[in-house]
């Protein structure tokens, strides 16, 4: 059940990050851009799972789910950048959303 939290949270975060922050996805076609988003999803879940495995032994829901979620969310811009770069697409600063 804990895996539902990062799975659902990712899609909300990616919508807010790409739609609400001053960033642009540049290069590649639509397929590469969508694959970059899925790569970001996989990297986010891998980071969350690694943090959960590392911190889960400290005990409880706080260290097993909440703290890994917060730490993975702080790393979100780097995860998205890496996920898109795998596909050869750049995420760069753009204009502020209107």
Foldseek 3Di string as FASTA:
>chain_A
DLLVVLLVVLVVLVCCPDPAAQKDKDDDDPVLLVQLSVLLSVLLSVQLVVQLVVQVVVDDPCRNHVVSVVVSSVCSVVSSQVSSVVSPIGMGGHDGHD
